[in-house]
Amino acid sequence: MTRVGVLALQGDVGEHVSMLESLGCEVVKVRTVEDLNSVEGLVLPGGESTTIAYLLTTSGLKDVLGAKISQGLPVFGTCAGLILLSSEVLDGRSDQWSYGALSLSVRRNGYGRQIASFESPLEVKDVGTVPGVFIRAPRIETYSDDVEVLATLDHGDGLGEHPVFVRQHQVWGASFHPELTGDARLHQLFLNSL
């Protein structure tokens, strides 16, 4: 049985756990280095990116997780998790850090504040149409040729298509919250890569 972790410091942990368990995984809520060392892959959930970053530091997980990502640990970041995996955070706090595991820049709250949250169907490469739930979502502004774009969105704001679901080697990122829908296909796609 595949053993997958969900970083359980802050954010929508329970929804990811339920989604992964529905796919037959053994799920570990990762709060310690010992928890992290026991998993084959890790989900970084949505939440508040600066809070999660602070808790990664105070829990002693920050550097260990960074080393594991560098060594090839498969990771899937959604919303705030995407921010934490990016190489550049636009409009972030002056003390905000990220792992740089995805060669892209993201803009926090790039589609608007909480009141501007929305849902939109997304066409995902090799998957089909999936529901996209965007809540204070980060917008991917730029990305390198090493980043595979799996889904895009034109929000109708005159800024054109932006990637919203990407992969770079073993690291996956989504601007939206697939765990808040009844559709487990993106989680299954991540599990298939383990």
N, C-alpha and C. Protein backbone atom coordinates (compact mmCIF):
# COMPACT_ATOMS: atom_id res chain seq x y z
N MET A 1 0.85 -1.19 0.00
CA MET A 1 0.00 0.00 0.00
C MET A 1 0.89 1.25 0.00
N THR A 2 0.55 2.20 -0.85
CA THR A 2 1.31 3.45 -0.93
C THR A 2 1.09 4.26 0.34
N ARG A 3 2.18 4.78 0.89
CA ARG A 3 2.12 5.59 2.12
C ARG A 3 2.44 7.03 1.75
N VAL A 4 1.44 7.88 1.82
CA VAL A 4 1.57 9.28 1.40
C VAL A 4 1.32 10.18 2.59
N GLY A 5 2.10 11.25 2.66
CA GLY A 5 1.92 12.22 3.73
C GLY A 5 1.15 13.44 3.27
N VAL A 6 0.47 14.06 4.22
CA VAL A 6 -0.12 15.38 4.01
C VAL A 6 0.47 16.27 5.11
N LEU A 7 1.15 17.34 4.71
CA LEU A 7 1.70 18.25 5.70
C LEU A 7 0.55 18.77 6.56
N ALA A 8 0.62 18.54 7.86
CA ALA A 8 -0.54 18.79 8.73
C ALA A 8 -0.23 19.86 9.77
N LEU A 9 0.32 20.98 9.32
CA LEU A 9 0.63 22.08 10.22
C LEU A 9 -0.44 23.16 10.21
N GLN A 10 -1.08 23.36 9.07
CA GLN A 10 -2.14 24.36 8.91
C GLN A 10 -2.76 24.16 7.55
N GLY A 11 -4.02 24.54 7.40
CA GLY A 11 -4.66 24.49 6.08
C GLY A 11 -5.66 23.35 5.95
N ASP A 12 -6.03 23.04 4.71
CA ASP A 12 -7.10 22.08 4.44
C ASP A 12 -6.55 20.64 4.39
N VAL A 13 -6.03 20.22 5.52
CA VAL A 13 -5.41 18.91 5.67
C VAL A 13 -6.43 17.79 5.52
N GLY A 14 -7.54 17.88 6.26
CA GLY A 14 -8.54 16.81 6.29
C GLY A 14 -9.10 16.46 4.92
N GLU A 15 -9.27 17.46 4.07
CA GLU A 15 -9.83 17.22 2.74
C GLU A 15 -8.87 16.40 1.89
N HIS A 16 -7.56 16.71 1.97
CA HIS A 16 -6.57 15.92 1.23
C HIS A 16 -6.49 14.50 1.79
N VAL A 17 -6.52 14.38 3.11
CA VAL A 17 -6.47 13.05 3.73
C VAL A 17 -7.63 12.20 3.25
N SER A 18 -8.83 12.76 3.26
CA SER A 18 -10.02 12.01 2.81
C SER A 18 -9.90 11.60 1.35
N MET A 19 -9.42 12.52 0.51
CA MET A 19 -9.29 12.23 -0.92
C MET A 19 -8.29 11.09 -1.14
N LEU A 20 -7.15 11.14 -0.48
CA LEU A 20 -6.13 10.11 -0.64
C LEU A 20 -6.59 8.77 -0.07
N GLU A 21 -7.27 8.80 1.06
CA GLU A 21 -7.79 7.55 1.64
C GLU A 21 -8.82 6.92 0.72
N SER A 22 -9.61 7.74 0.02
CA SER A 22 -10.61 7.20 -0.90
C SER A 22 -9.95 6.47 -2.07
N LEU A 23 -8.66 6.77 -2.31
CA LEU A 23 -7.92 6.12 -3.38
C LEU A 23 -7.12 4.92 -2.89
N GLY A 24 -7.32 4.58 -1.62
CA GLY A 24 -6.69 3.37 -1.08
C GLY A 24 -5.31 3.56 -0.50
N CYS A 25 -4.92 4.78 -0.23
CA CYS A 25 -3.60 5.05 0.34
C CYS A 25 -3.62 4.92 1.86
N GLU A 26 -2.44 4.63 2.40
CA GLU A 26 -2.22 4.85 3.81
C GLU A 26 -1.72 6.28 3.92
N VAL A 27 -2.40 7.09 4.72
CA VAL A 27 -2.09 8.52 4.79
C VAL A 27 -1.52 8.85 6.17
N VAL A 28 -0.42 9.59 6.15
CA VAL A 28 0.22 10.05 7.38
C VAL A 28 0.07 11.57 7.46
N LYS A 29 -0.44 12.05 8.58
CA LYS A 29 -0.46 13.50 8.81
C LYS A 29 0.93 13.89 9.29
N VAL A 30 1.66 14.60 8.44
CA VAL A 30 3.07 14.90 8.71
C VAL A 30 3.19 16.15 9.57
N ARG A 31 3.70 15.93 10.80
CA ARG A 31 3.94 17.03 11.73
C ARG A 31 5.37 17.03 12.26
N THR A 32 6.08 15.89 12.07
CA THR A 32 7.43 15.75 12.61
C THR A 32 8.36 15.20 11.52
N VAL A 33 9.65 15.28 11.78
CA VAL A 33 10.64 14.71 10.86
C VAL A 33 10.42 13.21 10.75
N GLU A 34 10.10 12.56 11.85
CA GLU A 34 9.83 11.11 11.83
C GLU A 34 8.67 10.79 10.89
N ASP A 35 7.60 11.58 10.96
CA ASP A 35 6.46 11.38 10.04
C ASP A 35 6.93 11.52 8.59
N LEU A 36 7.71 12.57 8.33
CA LEU A 36 8.16 12.85 6.97
C LEU A 36 9.03 11.72 6.43
N ASN A 37 9.87 11.17 7.29
CA ASN A 37 10.75 10.09 6.87
C ASN A 37 10.01 8.80 6.54
N SER A 38 8.74 8.71 6.88
CA SER A 38 7.99 7.47 6.69
C SER A 38 7.14 7.43 5.42
N VAL A 39 7.18 8.51 4.60
CA VAL A 39 6.26 8.59 3.45
C VAL A 39 7.00 8.53 2.12
N GLU A 40 6.27 8.08 1.08
CA GLU A 40 6.80 7.97 -0.28
C GLU A 40 6.53 9.21 -1.12
N GLY A 41 5.61 10.04 -0.69
CA GLY A 41 5.24 11.27 -1.37
C GLY A 41 4.56 12.17 -0.36
N LEU A 42 4.44 13.47 -0.69
CA LEU A 42 3.89 14.44 0.26
C LEU A 42 3.01 15.45 -0.45
N VAL A 43 1.88 15.76 0.16
CA VAL A 43 1.00 16.83 -0.31
C VAL A 43 1.18 18.04 0.61
N LEU A 44 1.42 19.19 -0.01
CA LEU A 44 1.46 20.46 0.73
C LEU A 44 0.12 21.14 0.47
N PRO A 45 -0.73 21.25 1.48
CA PRO A 45 -2.10 21.74 1.26
C PRO A 45 -2.20 23.24 1.12
N GLY A 46 -3.38 23.67 0.72
CA GLY A 46 -3.70 25.08 0.75
C GLY A 46 -3.86 25.54 2.19
N GLY A 47 -3.83 26.83 2.37
CA GLY A 47 -3.92 27.43 3.70
C GLY A 47 -3.34 28.83 3.58
N GLU A 48 -2.54 29.23 4.54
CA GLU A 48 -1.90 30.54 4.50
C GLU A 48 -0.40 30.29 4.38
N SER A 49 0.17 30.68 3.25
CA SER A 49 1.55 30.28 2.93
C SER A 49 2.57 30.77 3.96
N THR A 50 2.41 31.99 4.47
CA THR A 50 3.39 32.48 5.43
C THR A 50 3.26 31.76 6.77
N THR A 51 2.05 31.39 7.14
CA THR A 51 1.84 30.63 8.37
C THR A 51 2.44 29.23 8.25
N ILE A 52 2.19 28.57 7.12
CA ILE A 52 2.76 27.24 6.91
C ILE A 52 4.29 27.33 6.91
N ALA A 53 4.86 28.34 6.25
CA ALA A 53 6.31 28.52 6.23
C ALA A 53 6.86 28.70 7.64
N TYR A 54 6.19 29.51 8.44
CA TYR A 54 6.61 29.73 9.83
C TYR A 54 6.58 28.42 10.61
N LEU A 55 5.51 27.65 10.44
CA LEU A 55 5.37 26.39 11.18
C LEU A 55 6.35 25.33 10.68
N LEU A 56 6.70 25.35 9.40
CA LEU A 56 7.75 24.47 8.91
C LEU A 56 9.07 24.77 9.60
N THR A 57 9.34 26.05 9.81
CA THR A 57 10.58 26.46 10.47
C THR A 57 10.57 26.05 11.95
N THR A 58 9.50 26.40 12.67
CA THR A 58 9.47 26.13 14.11
C THR A 58 9.35 24.65 14.43
N SER A 59 8.81 23.85 13.51
CA SER A 59 8.67 22.41 13.75
C SER A 59 9.96 21.64 13.45
N GLY A 60 10.93 22.31 12.83
CA GLY A 60 12.16 21.63 12.45
C GLY A 60 12.06 20.89 11.12
N LEU A 61 10.97 21.08 10.40
CA LEU A 61 10.75 20.37 9.14
C LEU A 61 11.32 21.10 7.92
N LYS A 62 11.54 22.40 8.02
CA LYS A 62 11.88 23.19 6.84
C LYS A 62 13.09 22.63 6.08
N ASP A 63 14.22 22.50 6.74
CA ASP A 63 15.43 22.08 6.06
C ASP A 63 15.38 20.61 5.66
N VAL A 64 14.80 19.78 6.50
CA VAL A 64 14.69 18.35 6.19
C VAL A 64 13.83 18.15 4.94
N LEU A 65 12.69 18.87 4.88
CA LEU A 65 11.83 18.75 3.70
C LEU A 65 12.55 19.29 2.46
N GLY A 66 13.25 20.39 2.59
CA GLY A 66 14.00 20.93 1.46
C GLY A 66 15.00 19.92 0.92
N ALA A 67 15.71 19.24 1.82
CA ALA A 67 16.68 18.23 1.40
C ALA A 67 15.98 17.06 0.72
N LYS A 68 14.85 16.64 1.26
CA LYS A 68 14.12 15.51 0.67
C LYS A 68 13.60 15.86 -0.73
N ILE A 69 13.11 17.08 -0.91
CA ILE A 69 12.65 17.50 -2.24
C ILE A 69 13.83 17.48 -3.21
N SER A 70 14.98 17.99 -2.78
CA SER A 70 16.18 17.99 -3.62
C SER A 70 16.63 16.57 -3.98
N GLN A 71 16.37 15.63 -3.08
CA GLN A 71 16.76 14.24 -3.30
C GLN A 71 15.71 13.45 -4.09
N GLY A 72 14.59 14.10 -4.47
CA GLY A 72 13.63 13.45 -5.34
C GLY A 72 12.31 13.05 -4.72
N LEU A 73 12.00 13.50 -3.49
CA LEU A 73 10.70 13.18 -2.91
C LEU A 73 9.59 13.77 -3.76
N PRO A 74 8.63 12.97 -4.24
CA PRO A 74 7.50 13.52 -4.98
C PRO A 74 6.62 14.39 -4.07
N VAL A 75 6.29 15.58 -4.54
CA VAL A 75 5.51 16.53 -3.76
C VAL A 75 4.43 17.14 -4.65
N PHE A 76 3.25 17.34 -4.06
CA PHE A 76 2.13 17.97 -4.76
C PHE A 76 1.65 19.12 -3.90
N GLY A 77 1.84 20.36 -4.38
CA GLY A 77 1.41 21.54 -3.64
C GLY A 77 0.18 22.16 -4.26
N THR A 78 -0.84 22.42 -3.43
CA THR A 78 -2.05 23.07 -3.91
C THR A 78 -2.16 24.45 -3.24
N CYS A 79 -2.45 25.45 -4.02
CA CYS A 79 -2.65 26.83 -3.57
C CYS A 79 -1.46 27.31 -2.74
N ALA A 80 -1.56 27.38 -1.43
CA ALA A 80 -0.42 27.81 -0.61
C ALA A 80 0.77 26.86 -0.80
N GLY A 81 0.48 25.58 -1.01
CA GLY A 81 1.55 24.62 -1.27
C GLY A 81 2.31 24.95 -2.53
N LEU A 82 1.60 25.41 -3.57
CA LEU A 82 2.26 25.86 -4.80
C LEU A 82 3.18 27.04 -4.51
N ILE A 83 2.73 27.98 -3.71
CA ILE A 83 3.55 29.14 -3.34
C ILE A 83 4.84 28.68 -2.67
N LEU A 84 4.72 27.73 -1.75
CA LEU A 84 5.89 27.24 -1.02
C LEU A 84 6.88 26.50 -1.92
N LEU A 85 6.41 25.94 -3.03
CA LEU A 85 7.28 25.20 -3.94
C LEU A 85 7.89 26.07 -5.03
N SER A 86 7.38 27.28 -5.21
CA SER A 86 7.82 28.12 -6.33
C SER A 86 9.22 28.69 -6.10
N SER A 87 9.81 29.18 -7.19
CA SER A 87 11.14 29.78 -7.08
C SER A 87 11.08 31.27 -6.79
N GLU A 88 9.92 31.91 -7.04
CA GLU A 88 9.78 33.34 -6.76
C GLU A 88 8.34 33.63 -6.34
N VAL A 89 8.19 34.39 -5.26
CA VAL A 89 6.88 34.81 -4.78
C VAL A 89 6.76 36.31 -4.97
N LEU A 90 5.84 36.71 -5.83
CA LEU A 90 5.59 38.13 -6.08
C LEU A 90 4.55 38.64 -5.07
N ASP A 91 4.70 39.84 -4.62
CA ASP A 91 3.80 40.44 -3.62
C ASP A 91 3.81 39.68 -2.30
N GLY A 92 4.88 38.98 -2.02
CA GLY A 92 4.99 38.28 -0.74
C GLY A 92 5.53 39.22 0.32
N ARG A 93 5.58 38.72 1.55
CA ARG A 93 6.18 39.49 2.64
C ARG A 93 7.70 39.52 2.45
N SER A 94 8.34 40.47 3.06
CA SER A 94 9.80 40.61 2.90
C SER A 94 10.55 39.41 3.46
N ASP A 95 9.97 38.72 4.44
CA ASP A 95 10.63 37.56 5.04
C ASP A 95 10.12 36.23 4.48
N GLN A 96 9.34 36.29 3.41
CA GLN A 96 8.75 35.07 2.86
C GLN A 96 9.79 34.27 2.08
N TRP A 97 9.82 32.97 2.33
CA TRP A 97 10.75 32.08 1.63
C TRP A 97 9.95 30.99 0.93
N SER A 98 10.60 30.34 -0.02
CA SER A 98 9.99 29.20 -0.70
C SER A 98 11.10 28.24 -1.09
N TYR A 99 10.73 27.02 -1.44
CA TYR A 99 11.71 25.97 -1.70
C TYR A 99 12.39 26.06 -3.08
N GLY A 100 11.77 26.75 -4.03
CA GLY A 100 12.38 26.85 -5.36
C GLY A 100 12.39 25.54 -6.13
N ALA A 101 11.45 24.66 -5.82
CA ALA A 101 11.39 23.35 -6.47
C ALA A 101 10.67 23.41 -7.82
N LEU A 102 9.89 24.45 -8.05
CA LEU A 102 9.23 24.68 -9.33
C LEU A 102 9.80 25.97 -9.91
N SER A 103 10.33 25.91 -11.11
CA SER A 103 10.96 27.08 -11.74
C SER A 103 9.89 28.01 -12.29
N LEU A 104 9.24 28.72 -11.38
CA LEU A 104 8.17 29.64 -11.77
C LEU A 104 8.01 30.71 -10.72
N SER A 105 7.36 31.79 -11.14
CA SER A 105 7.01 32.85 -10.20
C SER A 105 5.50 32.87 -10.03
N VAL A 106 5.07 33.06 -8.79
CA VAL A 106 3.64 33.13 -8.49
C VAL A 106 3.33 34.46 -7.80
N ARG A 107 2.12 34.93 -8.05
CA ARG A 107 1.64 36.14 -7.38
C ARG A 107 0.57 35.71 -6.38
N ARG A 108 0.84 35.99 -5.12
CA ARG A 108 -0.13 35.65 -4.08
C ARG A 108 -1.45 36.37 -4.35
N ASN A 109 -2.57 35.68 -4.11
CA ASN A 109 -3.90 36.26 -4.34
C ASN A 109 -4.01 36.84 -5.74
N GLY A 110 -3.39 36.15 -6.71
CA GLY A 110 -3.30 36.66 -8.07
C GLY A 110 -4.61 36.79 -8.81
N TYR A 111 -5.65 36.11 -8.32
CA TYR A 111 -6.98 36.21 -8.94
C TYR A 111 -7.93 37.04 -8.06
N GLY A 112 -7.40 37.64 -7.01
CA GLY A 112 -8.23 38.47 -6.14
C GLY A 112 -8.30 37.92 -4.72
N ARG A 113 -8.88 38.70 -3.85
CA ARG A 113 -9.00 38.35 -2.44
C ARG A 113 -10.11 37.30 -2.25
N GLN A 114 -10.41 37.00 -1.02
CA GLN A 114 -11.40 35.97 -0.67
C GLN A 114 -12.74 36.18 -1.39
N ILE A 115 -13.19 37.41 -1.45
CA ILE A 115 -14.49 37.71 -2.05
C ILE A 115 -14.52 37.41 -3.55
N ALA A 116 -13.34 37.34 -4.17
CA ALA A 116 -13.24 37.07 -5.61
C ALA A 116 -13.06 35.58 -5.92
N SER A 117 -13.24 34.71 -4.92
CA SER A 117 -13.10 33.27 -5.15
C SER A 117 -14.11 32.80 -6.20
N PHE A 118 -13.74 31.77 -6.95
CA PHE A 118 -14.60 31.31 -8.03
C PHE A 118 -14.32 29.85 -8.35
N GLU A 119 -15.19 29.26 -9.16
CA GLU A 119 -15.01 27.91 -9.68
C GLU A 119 -15.02 27.97 -11.20
N SER A 120 -14.22 27.10 -11.83
CA SER A 120 -14.16 27.07 -13.28
C SER A 120 -13.75 25.67 -13.73
N PRO A 121 -14.39 25.13 -14.76
CA PRO A 121 -13.92 23.84 -15.29
C PRO A 121 -12.56 24.03 -15.96
N LEU A 122 -11.71 23.02 -15.83
CA LEU A 122 -10.36 23.07 -16.38
C LEU A 122 -10.11 21.84 -17.23
N GLU A 123 -9.47 22.04 -18.37
CA GLU A 123 -9.07 20.92 -19.23
C GLU A 123 -7.65 20.52 -18.86
N VAL A 124 -7.52 19.33 -18.28
CA VAL A 124 -6.22 18.84 -17.83
C VAL A 124 -5.68 17.82 -18.83
N LYS A 125 -4.45 18.03 -19.25
CA LYS A 125 -3.80 17.14 -20.22
C LYS A 125 -3.88 15.69 -19.75
N ASP A 126 -4.33 14.82 -20.65
CA ASP A 126 -4.42 13.38 -20.43
C ASP A 126 -5.40 12.98 -19.33
N VAL A 127 -6.22 13.93 -18.86
CA VAL A 127 -7.21 13.63 -17.82
C VAL A 127 -8.62 13.95 -18.28
N GLY A 128 -8.81 15.15 -18.84
CA GLY A 128 -10.14 15.62 -19.23
C GLY A 128 -10.54 16.82 -18.41
N THR A 129 -11.83 17.08 -18.36
CA THR A 129 -12.35 18.25 -17.65
C THR A 129 -12.48 17.95 -16.16
N VAL A 130 -11.89 18.81 -15.35
CA VAL A 130 -11.99 18.68 -13.89
C VAL A 130 -12.49 20.00 -13.32
N PRO A 131 -13.14 19.95 -12.15
CA PRO A 131 -13.57 21.20 -11.52
C PRO A 131 -12.40 21.91 -10.86
N GLY A 132 -12.34 23.22 -11.02
CA GLY A 132 -11.30 24.01 -10.38
C GLY A 132 -11.93 24.96 -9.37
N VAL A 133 -11.49 24.88 -8.12
CA VAL A 133 -11.98 25.76 -7.06
C VAL A 133 -10.82 26.70 -6.69
N PHE A 134 -11.01 27.98 -6.94
CA PHE A 134 -9.96 28.99 -6.74
C PHE A 134 -10.35 29.88 -5.56
N ILE A 135 -9.58 29.82 -4.48
CA ILE A 135 -9.83 30.61 -3.28
C ILE A 135 -8.57 31.38 -2.94
N ARG A 136 -8.58 32.70 -3.12
CA ARG A 136 -7.37 33.52 -2.91
C ARG A 136 -6.18 32.87 -3.61
N ALA A 137 -6.41 32.44 -4.82
CA ALA A 137 -5.46 31.58 -5.53
C ALA A 137 -4.24 32.34 -6.03
N PRO A 138 -3.08 31.67 -5.99
CA PRO A 138 -1.89 32.26 -6.60
C PRO A 138 -1.96 32.15 -8.12
N ARG A 139 -1.45 33.16 -8.79
CA ARG A 139 -1.40 33.16 -10.25
C ARG A 139 0.05 32.91 -10.69
N ILE A 140 0.24 31.92 -11.54
CA ILE A 140 1.57 31.66 -12.09
C ILE A 140 1.83 32.70 -13.17
N GLU A 141 2.84 33.54 -12.93
CA GLU A 141 3.14 34.66 -13.84
C GLU A 141 4.16 34.27 -14.90
N THR A 142 5.23 33.60 -14.51
CA THR A 142 6.26 33.17 -15.45
C THR A 142 6.71 31.77 -15.06
N TYR A 143 7.27 31.05 -16.04
CA TYR A 143 7.75 29.70 -15.75
C TYR A 143 8.81 29.33 -16.79
N SER A 144 9.69 28.41 -16.41
CA SER A 144 10.78 28.01 -17.30
C SER A 144 10.32 26.92 -18.25
N ASP A 145 11.16 26.62 -19.22
CA ASP A 145 10.86 25.56 -20.18
C ASP A 145 10.83 24.18 -19.53
N ASP A 146 11.42 24.06 -18.34
CA ASP A 146 11.42 22.77 -17.62
C ASP A 146 10.09 22.45 -17.00
N VAL A 147 9.20 23.42 -16.91
CA VAL A 147 7.89 23.23 -16.28
C VAL A 147 6.89 22.77 -17.33
N GLU A 148 6.26 21.63 -17.07
CA GLU A 148 5.22 21.11 -17.97
C GLU A 148 3.88 21.69 -17.53
N VAL A 149 3.21 22.38 -18.43
CA VAL A 149 1.90 22.96 -18.13
C VAL A 149 0.83 21.93 -18.47
N LEU A 150 0.05 21.54 -17.47
CA LEU A 150 -0.97 20.50 -17.62
C LEU A 150 -2.38 21.08 -17.74
N ALA A 151 -2.58 22.32 -17.30
CA ALA A 151 -3.87 22.99 -17.44
C ALA A 151 -3.67 24.49 -17.35
N THR A 152 -4.50 25.23 -18.10
CA THR A 152 -4.44 26.69 -18.07
C THR A 152 -5.84 27.24 -17.82
N LEU A 153 -5.88 28.53 -17.54
CA LEU A 153 -7.15 29.22 -17.30
C LEU A 153 -7.06 30.62 -17.86
N ASP A 154 -8.10 31.01 -18.59
CA ASP A 154 -8.26 32.41 -18.96
C ASP A 154 -9.40 32.93 -18.09
N HIS A 155 -9.05 33.73 -17.11
CA HIS A 155 -10.02 34.21 -16.11
C HIS A 155 -10.90 35.34 -16.66
N GLY A 156 -10.65 35.75 -17.90
CA GLY A 156 -11.47 36.80 -18.49
C GLY A 156 -11.11 38.19 -18.00
N ASP A 157 -9.91 38.34 -17.45
CA ASP A 157 -9.49 39.63 -16.91
C ASP A 157 -8.56 40.38 -17.87
N GLY A 158 -8.47 39.88 -19.11
CA GLY A 158 -7.64 40.53 -20.10
C GLY A 158 -6.17 40.16 -20.03
N LEU A 159 -5.82 39.28 -19.10
CA LEU A 159 -4.42 38.88 -18.95
C LEU A 159 -4.11 37.57 -19.68
N GLY A 160 -5.11 36.98 -20.31
CA GLY A 160 -4.89 35.77 -21.11
C GLY A 160 -4.78 34.50 -20.30
N GLU A 161 -4.29 33.46 -20.96
CA GLU A 161 -4.15 32.14 -20.34
C GLU A 161 -2.99 32.13 -19.35
N HIS A 162 -3.23 31.52 -18.20
CA HIS A 162 -2.18 31.31 -17.21
C HIS A 162 -2.18 29.84 -16.83
N PRO A 163 -1.00 29.25 -16.61
CA PRO A 163 -0.95 27.88 -16.11
C PRO A 163 -1.59 27.82 -14.72
N VAL A 164 -2.34 26.76 -14.46
CA VAL A 164 -2.91 26.56 -13.13
C VAL A 164 -2.60 25.18 -12.57
N PHE A 165 -2.06 24.28 -13.40
CA PHE A 165 -1.65 22.95 -12.95
C PHE A 165 -0.38 22.60 -13.70
N VAL A 166 0.70 22.36 -12.96
CA VAL A 166 2.01 22.18 -13.57
C VAL A 166 2.77 21.03 -12.92
N ARG A 167 3.81 20.61 -13.64
CA ARG A 167 4.69 19.58 -13.11
C ARG A 167 6.12 19.88 -13.57
N GLN A 168 7.06 19.69 -12.67
CA GLN A 168 8.48 19.77 -13.01
C GLN A 168 9.16 18.59 -12.32
N HIS A 169 9.50 17.59 -13.11
CA HIS A 169 10.07 16.35 -12.59
C HIS A 169 9.09 15.73 -11.58
N GLN A 170 9.51 15.56 -10.32
CA GLN A 170 8.65 14.90 -9.34
C GLN A 170 7.79 15.88 -8.53
N VAL A 171 7.83 17.16 -8.91
CA VAL A 171 7.11 18.18 -8.15
C VAL A 171 5.92 18.69 -8.96
N TRP A 172 4.75 18.67 -8.33
CA TRP A 172 3.48 19.07 -8.96
C TRP A 172 2.95 20.30 -8.23
N GLY A 173 2.24 21.17 -8.95
CA GLY A 173 1.64 22.33 -8.31
C GLY A 173 0.32 22.71 -8.97
N ALA A 174 -0.64 23.10 -8.14
CA ALA A 174 -1.95 23.56 -8.62
C ALA A 174 -2.31 24.87 -7.92
N SER A 175 -2.80 25.83 -8.71
CA SER A 175 -3.26 27.10 -8.15
C SER A 175 -4.57 26.95 -7.39
N PHE A 176 -5.24 25.85 -7.63
CA PHE A 176 -6.60 25.65 -7.13
C PHE A 176 -6.63 24.52 -6.10
N HIS A 177 -7.83 24.15 -5.68
CA HIS A 177 -8.05 23.17 -4.61
C HIS A 177 -8.77 21.93 -5.14
N PRO A 178 -8.07 20.95 -5.72
CA PRO A 178 -8.74 19.74 -6.19
C PRO A 178 -9.36 18.92 -5.06
N GLU A 179 -8.85 19.10 -3.86
CA GLU A 179 -9.37 18.34 -2.71
C GLU A 179 -10.74 18.80 -2.26
N LEU A 180 -11.20 19.96 -2.74
CA LEU A 180 -12.51 20.48 -2.34
C LEU A 180 -13.62 20.05 -3.29
N THR A 181 -13.30 19.13 -4.20
CA THR A 181 -14.30 18.62 -5.14
C THR A 181 -14.45 17.12 -4.89
N GLY A 182 -15.37 16.50 -5.57
CA GLY A 182 -15.53 15.05 -5.48
C GLY A 182 -14.70 14.31 -6.51
N ASP A 183 -13.82 15.02 -7.21
CA ASP A 183 -13.06 14.44 -8.31
C ASP A 183 -11.63 14.16 -7.84
N ALA A 184 -11.27 12.88 -7.77
CA ALA A 184 -9.97 12.47 -7.24
C ALA A 184 -8.92 12.24 -8.32
N ARG A 185 -9.21 12.59 -9.57
CA ARG A 185 -8.29 12.24 -10.66
C ARG A 185 -6.92 12.91 -10.57
N LEU A 186 -6.84 14.12 -10.06
CA LEU A 186 -5.53 14.76 -9.97
C LEU A 186 -4.70 14.15 -8.85
N HIS A 187 -5.34 13.79 -7.76
CA HIS A 187 -4.63 13.06 -6.71
C HIS A 187 -4.15 11.71 -7.24
N GLN A 188 -4.99 11.05 -8.04
CA GLN A 188 -4.60 9.77 -8.61
C GLN A 188 -3.42 9.94 -9.57
N LEU A 189 -3.43 11.02 -10.33
CA LEU A 189 -2.31 11.31 -11.23
C LEU A 189 -1.01 11.43 -10.44
N PHE A 190 -1.06 12.13 -9.31
CA PHE A 190 0.11 12.27 -8.45
C PHE A 190 0.53 10.90 -7.91
N LEU A 191 -0.43 10.13 -7.44
CA LEU A 191 -0.09 8.80 -6.90
C LEU A 191 0.52 7.90 -7.95
N ASN A 192 0.05 8.01 -9.18
CA ASN A 192 0.59 7.19 -10.27
C ASN A 192 2.06 7.49 -10.53
N SER A 193 2.51 8.68 -10.11
CA SER A 193 3.90 9.07 -10.36
C SER A 193 4.85 8.58 -9.27
N LEU A 194 4.30 8.03 -8.19
CA LEU A 194 5.16 7.58 -7.08
C LEU A 194 5.86 6.29 -7.42
